[in-house]
Amino acid sequence: MKSILLALYLLLLCNLVQSQDKPAYQIFDKSGQPTTFEAMQSAAQQVDYVFFGELHNNPIAHWLQLELTQALLNSRDNQIILGFEMLESDNQLLIDEYLLDLISKASFEDEARLWNN
């Protein structure tokens, strides 16, 4: 009997935990109203330029940037251009060589003067 009650209790607990809505992020539109990732993605697909602001060292912001970049890449037949504020313009040759698999990741990281984080 105790094992049945314990099983029911655990089942109820799992159900309660799953029903919790604790999003790790919230997106707002230009009016300051809550919106969805899908709405943001749809809006981003309609324009030529997307500027994605962030907080440095914020893994959720970095994850959202990656998700939006992948969504745009998929919707535009792998034809997008990315700019990275943390890379200097004189590193363009290194970036090109790395993306063309002409140099290793280690060589790129050693030569590109990347941020320590």
N, C-alpha and C. Protein backbone atom coordinates (compact mmCIF):
# COMPACT_ATOMS: atom_id res chain seq x y z
N MET A 1 0.82 -1.19 0.00
CA MET A 1 0.00 0.00 0.00
C MET A 1 0.87 1.26 0.00
N LYS A 2 1.95 1.22 0.83
CA LYS A 2 2.84 2.38 0.89
C LYS A 2 3.50 2.62 -0.47
N SER A 3 3.84 1.55 -1.16
CA SER A 3 4.49 1.72 -2.47
C SER A 3 3.51 2.30 -3.49
N ILE A 4 2.25 1.97 -3.40
CA ILE A 4 1.25 2.54 -4.31
C ILE A 4 1.08 4.03 -4.02
N LEU A 5 0.99 4.39 -2.73
CA LEU A 5 0.87 5.80 -2.36
C LEU A 5 2.11 6.59 -2.79
N LEU A 6 3.28 6.01 -2.62
CA LEU A 6 4.51 6.67 -3.03
C LEU A 6 4.53 6.87 -4.54
N ALA A 7 4.10 5.86 -5.28
CA ALA A 7 4.06 5.97 -6.74
C ALA A 7 3.08 7.06 -7.17
N LEU A 8 1.91 7.13 -6.53
CA LEU A 8 0.92 8.18 -6.85
C LEU A 8 1.47 9.56 -6.51
N TYR A 9 2.14 9.66 -5.38
CA TYR A 9 2.73 10.93 -4.97
C TYR A 9 3.78 11.40 -5.98
N LEU A 10 4.66 10.48 -6.41
CA LEU A 10 5.69 10.81 -7.38
C LEU A 10 5.08 11.20 -8.73
N LEU A 11 4.02 10.51 -9.11
CA LEU A 11 3.33 10.83 -10.36
C LEU A 11 2.73 12.24 -10.30
N LEU A 12 2.11 12.56 -9.18
CA LEU A 12 1.53 13.88 -8.98
C LEU A 12 2.63 14.95 -8.98
N LEU A 13 3.73 14.67 -8.31
CA LEU A 13 4.84 15.61 -8.25
C LEU A 13 5.42 15.86 -9.64
N CYS A 14 5.60 14.82 -10.43
CA CYS A 14 6.11 14.98 -11.79
C CYS A 14 5.16 15.82 -12.63
N ASN A 15 3.87 15.60 -12.47
CA ASN A 15 2.87 16.37 -13.21
C ASN A 15 2.93 17.85 -12.83
N LEU A 16 3.09 18.14 -11.55
CA LEU A 16 3.18 19.52 -11.10
C LEU A 16 4.44 20.20 -11.62
N VAL A 17 5.53 19.49 -11.60
CA VAL A 17 6.80 20.05 -12.08
C VAL A 17 6.72 20.34 -13.57
N GLN A 18 6.13 19.44 -14.33
CA GLN A 18 6.01 19.65 -15.77
C GLN A 18 5.06 20.78 -16.10
N SER A 19 4.10 21.05 -15.27
CA SER A 19 3.12 22.08 -15.58
C SER A 19 3.61 23.48 -15.22
N GLN A 20 4.78 23.58 -14.59
CA GLN A 20 5.33 24.88 -14.24
C GLN A 20 5.77 25.60 -15.51
N ASP A 21 5.44 26.86 -15.63
CA ASP A 21 5.84 27.66 -16.77
C ASP A 21 6.89 28.66 -16.31
N LYS A 22 8.15 28.28 -16.46
CA LYS A 22 9.25 29.14 -16.03
C LYS A 22 10.18 29.35 -17.20
N PRO A 23 9.79 30.23 -18.13
CA PRO A 23 10.66 30.43 -19.29
C PRO A 23 11.99 31.05 -18.89
N ALA A 24 13.02 30.70 -19.63
CA ALA A 24 14.35 31.22 -19.34
C ALA A 24 14.56 32.59 -19.95
N TYR A 25 13.64 33.03 -20.79
CA TYR A 25 13.78 34.33 -21.43
C TYR A 25 12.40 34.88 -21.78
N GLN A 26 12.35 36.17 -22.09
CA GLN A 26 11.12 36.81 -22.56
C GLN A 26 11.53 37.76 -23.67
N ILE A 27 10.80 37.75 -24.76
CA ILE A 27 11.07 38.62 -25.90
C ILE A 27 9.96 39.65 -25.95
N PHE A 28 10.35 40.89 -26.24
CA PHE A 28 9.38 41.99 -26.34
C PHE A 28 9.46 42.60 -27.73
N ASP A 29 8.32 43.06 -28.22
CA ASP A 29 8.30 43.72 -29.52
C ASP A 29 8.66 45.20 -29.36
N LYS A 30 8.63 45.94 -30.47
CA LYS A 30 9.05 47.35 -30.41
C LYS A 30 8.13 48.21 -29.56
N SER A 31 6.94 47.72 -29.26
CA SER A 31 6.01 48.45 -28.39
C SER A 31 6.17 48.07 -26.93
N GLY A 32 7.09 47.14 -26.65
CA GLY A 32 7.30 46.70 -25.28
C GLY A 32 6.34 45.60 -24.84
N GLN A 33 5.61 45.03 -25.82
CA GLN A 33 4.66 43.97 -25.50
C GLN A 33 5.35 42.60 -25.64
N PRO A 34 5.03 41.66 -24.77
CA PRO A 34 5.61 40.33 -24.90
C PRO A 34 5.26 39.71 -26.25
N THR A 35 6.22 39.01 -26.82
CA THR A 35 6.00 38.32 -28.09
C THR A 35 6.71 36.99 -28.05
N THR A 36 6.66 36.25 -29.12
CA THR A 36 7.24 34.91 -29.17
C THR A 36 8.48 34.89 -30.05
N PHE A 37 9.27 33.85 -29.90
CA PHE A 37 10.42 33.66 -30.77
C PHE A 37 9.96 33.53 -32.21
N GLU A 38 8.88 32.82 -32.44
CA GLU A 38 8.37 32.62 -33.79
C GLU A 38 7.99 33.95 -34.45
N ALA A 39 7.38 34.86 -33.67
CA ALA A 39 7.02 36.17 -34.21
C ALA A 39 8.28 36.97 -34.52
N MET A 40 9.28 36.90 -33.65
CA MET A 40 10.54 37.60 -33.90
C MET A 40 11.21 37.03 -35.14
N GLN A 41 11.21 35.72 -35.27
CA GLN A 41 11.81 35.06 -36.42
C GLN A 41 11.10 35.48 -37.71
N SER A 42 9.80 35.50 -37.68
CA SER A 42 9.02 35.90 -38.85
C SER A 42 9.33 37.34 -39.25
N ALA A 43 9.42 38.23 -38.28
CA ALA A 43 9.75 39.63 -38.56
C ALA A 43 11.17 39.74 -39.13
N ALA A 44 12.10 38.97 -38.59
CA ALA A 44 13.50 39.01 -39.04
C ALA A 44 13.62 38.51 -40.48
N GLN A 45 12.76 37.59 -40.87
CA GLN A 45 12.80 37.05 -42.23
C GLN A 45 12.31 38.05 -43.27
N GLN A 46 11.65 39.11 -42.83
CA GLN A 46 11.08 40.09 -43.75
C GLN A 46 12.00 41.27 -44.04
N VAL A 47 13.15 41.32 -43.41
CA VAL A 47 14.04 42.48 -43.55
C VAL A 47 15.41 42.06 -44.08
N ASP A 48 16.17 43.05 -44.51
CA ASP A 48 17.51 42.78 -45.04
C ASP A 48 18.58 42.75 -43.95
N TYR A 49 18.35 43.49 -42.87
CA TYR A 49 19.35 43.58 -41.80
C TYR A 49 18.70 43.28 -40.46
N VAL A 50 19.40 42.51 -39.65
CA VAL A 50 18.95 42.22 -38.29
C VAL A 50 20.11 42.56 -37.36
N PHE A 51 19.85 43.43 -36.40
CA PHE A 51 20.84 43.74 -35.37
C PHE A 51 20.35 43.11 -34.08
N PHE A 52 21.16 42.25 -33.52
CA PHE A 52 20.78 41.51 -32.32
C PHE A 52 21.66 41.98 -31.18
N GLY A 53 21.11 42.84 -30.32
CA GLY A 53 21.86 43.30 -29.16
C GLY A 53 21.98 42.20 -28.12
N GLU A 54 22.94 42.34 -27.25
CA GLU A 54 23.15 41.31 -26.25
C GLU A 54 23.84 41.85 -25.01
N LEU A 55 23.83 41.05 -24.01
CA LEU A 55 24.64 41.29 -22.83
C LEU A 55 25.81 40.32 -22.91
N HIS A 56 27.01 40.85 -22.80
CA HIS A 56 28.18 39.97 -22.87
C HIS A 56 28.14 38.94 -21.75
N ASN A 57 28.62 37.76 -22.06
CA ASN A 57 28.67 36.64 -21.12
C ASN A 57 27.29 36.16 -20.67
N ASN A 58 26.26 36.40 -21.48
CA ASN A 58 24.92 35.94 -21.17
C ASN A 58 24.60 34.74 -22.06
N PRO A 59 24.66 33.52 -21.52
CA PRO A 59 24.48 32.33 -22.35
C PRO A 59 23.09 32.24 -22.99
N ILE A 60 22.07 32.76 -22.37
CA ILE A 60 20.73 32.71 -22.96
C ILE A 60 20.67 33.63 -24.18
N ALA A 61 21.26 34.83 -24.07
CA ALA A 61 21.30 35.73 -25.22
C ALA A 61 22.09 35.11 -26.36
N HIS A 62 23.20 34.47 -26.04
CA HIS A 62 24.00 33.81 -27.08
C HIS A 62 23.22 32.67 -27.71
N TRP A 63 22.50 31.92 -26.90
CA TRP A 63 21.68 30.82 -27.43
C TRP A 63 20.59 31.36 -28.36
N LEU A 64 19.93 32.46 -27.97
CA LEU A 64 18.89 33.04 -28.82
C LEU A 64 19.49 33.56 -30.13
N GLN A 65 20.68 34.14 -30.07
CA GLN A 65 21.34 34.58 -31.29
C GLN A 65 21.60 33.39 -32.22
N LEU A 66 22.07 32.31 -31.65
CA LEU A 66 22.33 31.11 -32.44
C LEU A 66 21.03 30.57 -33.05
N GLU A 67 19.98 30.50 -32.25
CA GLU A 67 18.70 29.99 -32.76
C GLU A 67 18.17 30.87 -33.89
N LEU A 68 18.23 32.18 -33.74
CA LEU A 68 17.75 33.07 -34.79
C LEU A 68 18.63 32.97 -36.04
N THR A 69 19.93 32.90 -35.85
CA THR A 69 20.84 32.76 -36.98
C THR A 69 20.55 31.48 -37.75
N GLN A 70 20.37 30.37 -37.05
CA GLN A 70 20.07 29.10 -37.72
C GLN A 70 18.73 29.16 -38.44
N ALA A 71 17.74 29.78 -37.83
CA ALA A 71 16.43 29.90 -38.46
C ALA A 71 16.52 30.74 -39.74
N LEU A 72 17.26 31.84 -39.69
CA LEU A 72 17.42 32.68 -40.88
C LEU A 72 18.23 31.96 -41.95
N LEU A 73 19.24 31.24 -41.53
CA LEU A 73 20.06 30.47 -42.47
C LEU A 73 19.20 29.45 -43.20
N ASN A 74 18.35 28.76 -42.47
CA ASN A 74 17.47 27.75 -43.08
C ASN A 74 16.44 28.38 -44.01
N SER A 75 15.95 29.56 -43.67
CA SER A 75 14.90 30.18 -44.47
C SER A 75 15.46 30.89 -45.71
N ARG A 76 16.77 31.09 -45.75
CA ARG A 76 17.38 31.82 -46.88
C ARG A 76 18.37 30.96 -47.65
N ASP A 77 18.11 29.68 -47.72
CA ASP A 77 18.95 28.76 -48.50
C ASP A 77 20.44 28.89 -48.18
N ASN A 78 20.75 28.97 -46.90
CA ASN A 78 22.13 29.06 -46.42
C ASN A 78 22.87 30.28 -46.95
N GLN A 79 22.15 31.35 -47.25
CA GLN A 79 22.77 32.57 -47.79
C GLN A 79 22.51 33.75 -46.85
N ILE A 80 23.35 33.89 -45.85
CA ILE A 80 23.28 35.06 -44.98
C ILE A 80 24.70 35.58 -44.76
N ILE A 81 24.79 36.80 -44.33
CA ILE A 81 26.06 37.41 -44.00
C ILE A 81 26.01 37.79 -42.52
N LEU A 82 27.06 37.41 -41.79
CA LEU A 82 27.12 37.71 -40.36
C LEU A 82 28.26 38.69 -40.09
N GLY A 83 28.02 39.58 -39.17
CA GLY A 83 29.07 40.46 -38.68
C GLY A 83 29.27 40.18 -37.21
N PHE A 84 30.51 40.21 -36.76
CA PHE A 84 30.83 39.95 -35.36
C PHE A 84 31.59 41.13 -34.79
N GLU A 85 31.03 41.77 -33.80
CA GLU A 85 31.68 42.94 -33.23
C GLU A 85 32.93 42.60 -32.46
N MET A 86 33.15 41.35 -32.14
CA MET A 86 34.32 41.02 -31.33
C MET A 86 35.54 40.64 -32.18
N LEU A 87 35.37 40.65 -33.51
CA LEU A 87 36.49 40.35 -34.39
C LEU A 87 36.91 41.63 -35.11
N GLU A 88 38.21 41.85 -35.19
CA GLU A 88 38.74 43.05 -35.84
C GLU A 88 38.74 42.86 -37.36
N SER A 89 38.60 43.96 -38.10
CA SER A 89 38.51 43.87 -39.56
C SER A 89 39.79 43.30 -40.18
N ASP A 90 40.93 43.50 -39.54
CA ASP A 90 42.17 42.95 -40.11
C ASP A 90 42.29 41.44 -39.91
N ASN A 91 41.29 40.82 -39.27
CA ASN A 91 41.25 39.37 -39.12
C ASN A 91 40.44 38.70 -40.23
N GLN A 92 39.96 39.47 -41.21
CA GLN A 92 39.09 38.90 -42.22
C GLN A 92 39.74 37.74 -42.98
N LEU A 93 41.00 37.87 -43.32
CA LEU A 93 41.69 36.79 -44.02
C LEU A 93 41.70 35.52 -43.18
N LEU A 94 41.98 35.65 -41.88
CA LEU A 94 41.96 34.48 -40.99
C LEU A 94 40.57 33.86 -40.92
N ILE A 95 39.56 34.71 -40.85
CA ILE A 95 38.18 34.21 -40.81
C ILE A 95 37.86 33.43 -42.08
N ASP A 96 38.22 34.02 -43.22
CA ASP A 96 37.97 33.35 -44.50
C ASP A 96 38.70 32.00 -44.57
N GLU A 97 39.97 31.99 -44.15
CA GLU A 97 40.74 30.75 -44.18
C GLU A 97 40.14 29.70 -43.26
N TYR A 98 39.68 30.11 -42.08
CA TYR A 98 39.08 29.17 -41.15
C TYR A 98 37.77 28.60 -41.72
N LEU A 99 36.93 29.48 -42.27
CA LEU A 99 35.65 29.02 -42.81
C LEU A 99 35.81 28.13 -44.03
N LEU A 100 36.91 28.28 -44.74
CA LEU A 100 37.20 27.42 -45.90
C LEU A 100 38.01 26.19 -45.52
N ASP A 101 38.20 25.97 -44.22
CA ASP A 101 38.97 24.83 -43.70
C ASP A 101 40.43 24.83 -44.18
N LEU A 102 40.97 26.02 -44.39
CA LEU A 102 42.37 26.12 -44.79
C LEU A 102 43.30 26.17 -43.59
N ILE A 103 42.77 26.59 -42.44
CA ILE A 103 43.54 26.59 -41.20
C ILE A 103 42.70 25.92 -40.12
N SER A 104 43.37 25.42 -39.10
CA SER A 104 42.67 24.73 -38.01
C SER A 104 42.03 25.73 -37.06
N LYS A 105 41.14 25.22 -36.24
CA LYS A 105 40.52 26.05 -35.21
C LYS A 105 41.58 26.61 -34.26
N ALA A 106 42.53 25.77 -33.90
CA ALA A 106 43.59 26.21 -32.98
C ALA A 106 44.40 27.34 -33.60
N SER A 107 44.73 27.23 -34.88
CA SER A 107 45.48 28.30 -35.56
C SER A 107 44.67 29.58 -35.60
N PHE A 108 43.39 29.45 -35.92
CA PHE A 108 42.52 30.62 -35.96
C PHE A 108 42.49 31.30 -34.60
N GLU A 109 42.27 30.52 -33.55
CA GLU A 109 42.18 31.08 -32.20
C GLU A 109 43.50 31.72 -31.75
N ASP A 110 44.61 31.13 -32.15
CA ASP A 110 45.92 31.68 -31.78
C ASP A 110 46.20 33.02 -32.47
N GLU A 111 45.79 33.14 -33.73
CA GLU A 111 46.17 34.29 -34.53
C GLU A 111 45.13 35.43 -34.54
N ALA A 112 43.89 35.15 -34.20
CA ALA A 112 42.82 36.14 -34.39
C ALA A 112 42.65 37.11 -33.22
N ARG A 113 43.43 37.01 -32.19
CA ARG A 113 43.32 37.88 -31.03
C ARG A 113 41.89 37.87 -30.45
N LEU A 114 41.40 36.70 -30.19
CA LEU A 114 40.04 36.54 -29.64
C LEU A 114 39.99 36.99 -28.21
N TRP A 115 38.80 37.37 -27.78
CA TRP A 115 38.59 37.74 -26.38
C TRP A 115 38.84 36.52 -25.51
N ASN A 116 39.28 36.75 -24.29
CA ASN A 116 39.62 35.62 -23.40
C ASN A 116 38.40 34.89 -22.86
N ASN A 117 37.20 35.36 -23.11
CA ASN A 117 36.02 34.65 -22.61
C ASN A 117 35.32 33.91 -23.73
